[in-house]
C-alpha atoms as a PDB file:
ATOM      1  CA  MET A   1     -34.008 -72.149-116.946  1.00  0.00           C
ATOM      2  CA  ALA A   2     -33.893 -73.382-113.335  1.00  0.00           C
ATOM      3  CA  ARG A   3     -36.905 -75.562-114.112  1.00  0.00           C
ATOM      4  CA  GLY A   4     -34.906 -77.066-116.977  1.00  0.00           C
ATOM      5  CA  THR A   5     -32.016 -78.137-114.944  1.00  0.00           C
ATOM      6  CA  VAL A   6     -34.072 -79.491-112.270  1.00  0.00           C
ATOM      7  CA  GLY A   7     -35.760 -81.320-114.994  1.00  0.00           C
ATOM      8  CA  GLU A   8     -32.608 -82.489-116.183  1.00  0.00           C
ATOM      9  CA  ARG A   9     -31.211 -83.475-113.071  1.00  0.00           C
ATOM     10  CA  ASP A  10     -34.622 -85.685-112.113  1.00  0.00           C
ATOM     11  CA  GLY A  11     -34.601 -87.317-115.507  1.00  0.00           C
ATOM     12  CA  ALA A  12     -30.694 -88.528-114.875  1.00  0.00           C
ATOM     13  CA  ILE A  13     -31.706 -89.719-111.379  1.00  0.00           C
ATOM     14  CA  GLU A  14     -34.469 -91.829-112.947  1.00  0.00           C
ATOM     15  CA  ALA A  15     -31.943 -93.028-115.352  1.00  0.00           C
ATOM     16  CA  PHE A  16     -29.574 -94.065-112.592  1.00  0.00           C
ATOM     17  CA  GLN A  17     -32.242 -95.919-110.778  1.00  0.00           C
ATOM     18  CA  ARG A  18     -33.252 -97.582-114.199  1.00  0.00           C
ATOM     19  CA  GLY A  19     -29.683 -98.303-115.001  1.00  0.00           C
ATOM     20  CA  LEU A  20     -29.031 -99.951-111.327  1.00  0.00           C
ATOM     21  CA  GLU A  21     -32.177-102.049-111.830  1.00  0.00           C
ATOM     22  CA  ILE A  22     -30.761-103.631-115.031  1.00  0.00           C
ATOM     23  CA  LEU A  23     -27.009-103.979-114.062  1.00  0.00           C
ATOM     24  CA  ARG A  24     -28.492-105.755-110.808  1.00  0.00           C
ATOM     25  CA  ASP A  25     -30.600-108.193-113.027  1.00  0.00           C
ATOM     26  CA  LEU A  26     -27.357-108.759-115.349  1.00  0.00           C
ATOM     27  CA  GLY A  27     -24.895-109.003-112.276  1.00  0.00           C
ATOM     28  CA  ASP A  28     -22.967-106.417-113.744  1.00  0.00           C
ATOM     29  CA  ARG A  29     -21.318-105.306-110.198  1.00  0.00           C
ATOM     30  CA  CYS A  30     -18.796-102.959-111.702  1.00  0.00           C
ATOM     31  CA  GLY A  31     -21.301-101.303-113.835  1.00  0.00           C
ATOM     32  CA  GLU A  32     -23.311-100.770-110.601  1.00  0.00           C
ATOM     33  CA  ALA A  33     -20.554 -99.104-108.976  1.00  0.00           C
ATOM     34  CA  GLU A  34     -19.924 -96.946-111.955  1.00  0.00           C
ATOM     35  CA  VAL A  35     -23.553 -95.900-111.983  1.00  0.00           C
ATOM     36  CA  LEU A  36     -23.364 -95.203-108.139  1.00  0.00           C
ATOM     37  CA  ASN A  37     -20.225 -93.134-108.558  1.00  0.00           C
ATOM     38  CA  HIS A  38     -21.946 -90.977-111.353  1.00  0.00           C
ATOM     39  CA  TRP A  39     -25.156 -90.647-109.574  1.00  0.00           C
ATOM     40  CA  GLY A  40     -23.011 -89.515-106.445  1.00  0.00           C
ATOM     41  CA  MET A  41     -21.264 -86.693-108.487  1.00  0.00           C
ATOM     42  CA  LEU A  42     -24.432 -85.346-109.714  1.00  0.00           C
ATOM     43  CA  LEU A  43     -25.705 -85.140-106.082  1.00  0.00           C
ATOM     44  CA  PHE A  44     -22.437 -83.734-104.952  1.00  0.00           C
ATOM     45  CA  THR A  45     -22.393 -81.052-107.728  1.00  0.00           C
ATOM     46  CA  SER A  46     -25.961 -80.239-106.815  1.00  0.00           C
ATOM     47  CA  GLY A  47     -24.913 -79.537-103.306  1.00  0.00           C
ATOM     48  CA  GLU A  48     -26.255 -82.617-101.673  1.00  0.00           C
ATOM     49  CA  SER A  49     -22.790 -83.895-100.369  1.00  0.00           C
ATOM     50  CA  ALA A  50     -24.360 -86.104 -97.640  1.00  0.00           C
ATOM     51  CA  ALA A  51     -26.664 -88.119-100.013  1.00  0.00           C
ATOM     52  CA  ALA A  52     -23.807 -88.209-102.560  1.00  0.00           C
ATOM     53  CA  SER A  53     -21.434 -89.718 -99.754  1.00  0.00           C
ATOM     54  CA  GLY A  54     -24.151 -92.425 -99.445  1.00  0.00           C
ATOM     55  CA  HIS A  55     -23.621 -93.235-103.130  1.00  0.00           C
ATOM     56  CA  PHE A  56     -19.991 -93.091-103.195  1.00  0.00           C
ATOM     57  CA  ASP A  57     -19.759 -95.475 -99.801  1.00  0.00           C
ATOM     58  CA  GLN A  58     -21.905 -98.127-101.922  1.00  0.00           C
ATOM     59  CA  ALA A  59     -19.948 -97.907-104.886  1.00  0.00           C
ATOM     60  CA  LEU A  60     -16.571 -98.129-102.822  1.00  0.00           C
ATOM     61  CA  THR A  61     -17.891-101.320-101.189  1.00  0.00           C
ATOM     62  CA  LEU A  62     -18.960-103.042-104.325  1.00  0.00           C
ATOM     63  CA  ALA A  63     -15.737-101.678-106.170  1.00  0.00           C
ATOM     64  CA  ARG A  64     -13.340-103.238-103.461  1.00  0.00           C
ATOM     65  CA  ASP A  65     -15.538-106.568-103.316  1.00  0.00           C
ATOM     66  CA  ILE A  66     -15.052-107.232-106.964  1.00  0.00           C
ATOM     67  CA  ARG A  67     -11.692-105.705-107.378  1.00  0.00           C
ATOM     68  CA  CYS A  68     -12.403-102.708-109.824  1.00  0.00           C
ATOM     69  CA  PRO A  69     -10.009-100.518-109.130  1.00  0.00           C
ATOM     70  CA  LEU A  70     -10.942 -97.542-111.215  1.00  0.00           C
ATOM     71  CA  GLU A  71     -14.341 -97.209-109.759  1.00  0.00           C
ATOM     72  CA  GLU A  72     -12.747 -97.745-106.177  1.00  0.00           C
ATOM     73  CA  ALA A  73     -10.693 -94.497-107.142  1.00  0.00           C
ATOM     74  CA  ARG A  74     -13.698 -92.832-108.302  1.00  0.00           C
ATOM     75  CA  ALA A  75     -15.576 -93.626-105.025  1.00  0.00           C
ATOM     76  CA  LEU A  76     -12.687 -92.463-102.766  1.00  0.00           C
ATOM     77  CA  GLU A  77     -12.514 -89.395-104.494  1.00  0.00           C
ATOM     78  CA  GLY A  78     -15.968 -88.836-103.946  1.00  0.00           C
ATOM     79  CA  ILE A  79     -15.909 -89.623-100.592  1.00  0.00           C
ATOM     80  CA  GLY A  80     -12.940 -87.577-100.019  1.00  0.00           C
ATOM     81  CA  ARG A  81     -14.622 -84.517-101.869  1.00  0.00           C
ATOM     82  CA  CYS A  82     -17.584 -84.915 -99.614  1.00  0.00           C
ATOM     83  CA  ASP A  83     -16.029 -85.028 -96.426  1.00  0.00           C
ATOM     84  CA  TRP A  84     -14.310 -81.749 -97.369  1.00  0.00           C
ATOM     85  CA  THR A  85     -17.014 -79.982 -98.307  1.00  0.00           C
ATOM     86  CA  ILE A  86     -19.184 -81.106 -95.425  1.00  0.00           C
ATOM     87  CA  ASP A  87     -16.917 -81.094 -92.515  1.00  0.00           C
ATOM     88  CA  GLY A  88     -14.162 -78.491 -93.862  1.00  0.00           C
ATOM     89  CA  PRO A  89     -10.687 -78.482 -95.520  1.00  0.00           C
ATOM     90  CA  GLY A  90      -8.554 -80.777 -93.902  1.00  0.00           C
ATOM     91  CA  HIS A  91     -11.077 -83.544 -93.850  1.00  0.00           C
ATOM     92  CA  GLY A  92     -11.047 -86.179 -96.341  1.00  0.00           C
ATOM     93  CA  VAL A  93      -7.646 -85.955 -97.081  1.00  0.00           C
ATOM     94  CA  GLY A  94      -6.812 -89.818 -96.465  1.00  0.00           C
ATOM     95  CA  SER A  95      -9.597 -90.650 -98.906  1.00  0.00           C
ATOM     96  CA  LEU A  96      -8.337 -88.342-101.660  1.00  0.00           C
ATOM     97  CA  ARG A  97      -4.791 -89.419-100.994  1.00  0.00           C
ATOM     98  CA  ALA A  98      -6.023 -92.996-101.415  1.00  0.00           C
ATOM     99  CA  ALA A  99      -7.504 -92.203-104.771  1.00  0.00           C
ATOM    100  CA  VAL A 100      -4.520 -90.598-105.878  1.00  0.00           C
ATOM    101  CA  THR A 101      -2.502 -93.713-105.275  1.00  0.00           C
ATOM    102  CA  VAL A 102      -5.004 -95.813-107.014  1.00  0.00           C
ATOM    103  CA  TYR A 103      -5.267 -93.574-110.013  1.00  0.00           C
ATOM    104  CA  ARG A 104      -1.454 -93.372-110.443  1.00  0.00           C
ATOM    105  CA  ARG A 105      -1.163 -97.295-110.281  1.00  0.00           C
ATOM    106  CA  LEU A 106      -3.878 -97.169-113.293  1.00  0.00           C
ATOM    107  CA  GLY A 107      -2.069 -94.263-115.197  1.00  0.00           C
ATOM    108  CA  VAL A 108      -4.907 -91.856-114.662  1.00  0.00           C
ATOM    109  CA  SER A 109      -2.578 -88.698-114.519  1.00  0.00           C
ATOM    110  CA  ALA A 110      -5.473 -86.241-115.023  1.00  0.00           C
ATOM    111  CA  ALA A 111      -7.644 -87.156-112.196  1.00  0.00           C
ATOM    112  CA  VAL A 112      -4.166 -87.114-109.949  1.00  0.00           C
ATOM    113  CA  ASP A 113      -3.486 -83.873-111.145  1.00  0.00           C
ATOM    114  CA  ASP A 114      -7.038 -82.512-110.370  1.00  0.00           C
ATOM    115  CA  ILE A 115      -6.838 -83.989-106.907  1.00  0.00           C
ATOM    116  CA  GLU A 116      -3.489 -82.524-106.082  1.00  0.00           C
ATOM    117  CA  ARG A 117      -4.504 -79.059-107.276  1.00  0.00           C
ATOM    118  CA  LEU A 118      -7.222 -79.442-104.757  1.00  0.00           C
ATOM    119  CA  LEU A 119      -5.222 -80.456-102.164  1.00  0.00           C
ATOM    120  CA  VAL A 120      -2.663 -77.786-102.801  1.00  0.00           C
ATOM    121  CA  SER A 121      -5.117 -74.984-103.321  1.00  0.00           C
ATOM    122  CA  ARG A 122      -7.238 -75.711-100.246  1.00  0.00           C
ATOM    123  CA  SER A 123      -4.314 -76.099 -97.748  1.00  0.00           C
ATOM    124  CA  GLY A 124      -2.286 -73.053 -98.518  1.00  0.00           C
END
């Protein structure tokens, strides 16, 4: 079972790499940010928070450059979760709150609820 999971993860990473190449060739920067965020989340859920943070940072830069608010919020959330995991509770709160602000503006209430539950559960 573990071998299959590793194979799936490696396959996903290869797909992300190919996808980024295609999106860069097409000039689809919002698509690039989306792929970087998904890749970051895969790394984060695999316990590779430091590597994930780098992908979220790249996604945030792209999303802000092209004004793609959903990917900006996803990147901020990812950065916040990585910081929280790497440095401990209390770290990453600023990024998480910034993500909440953007998600609220976009009407993405499920993401807001999820982050707020995280902040409440880990702070008290």
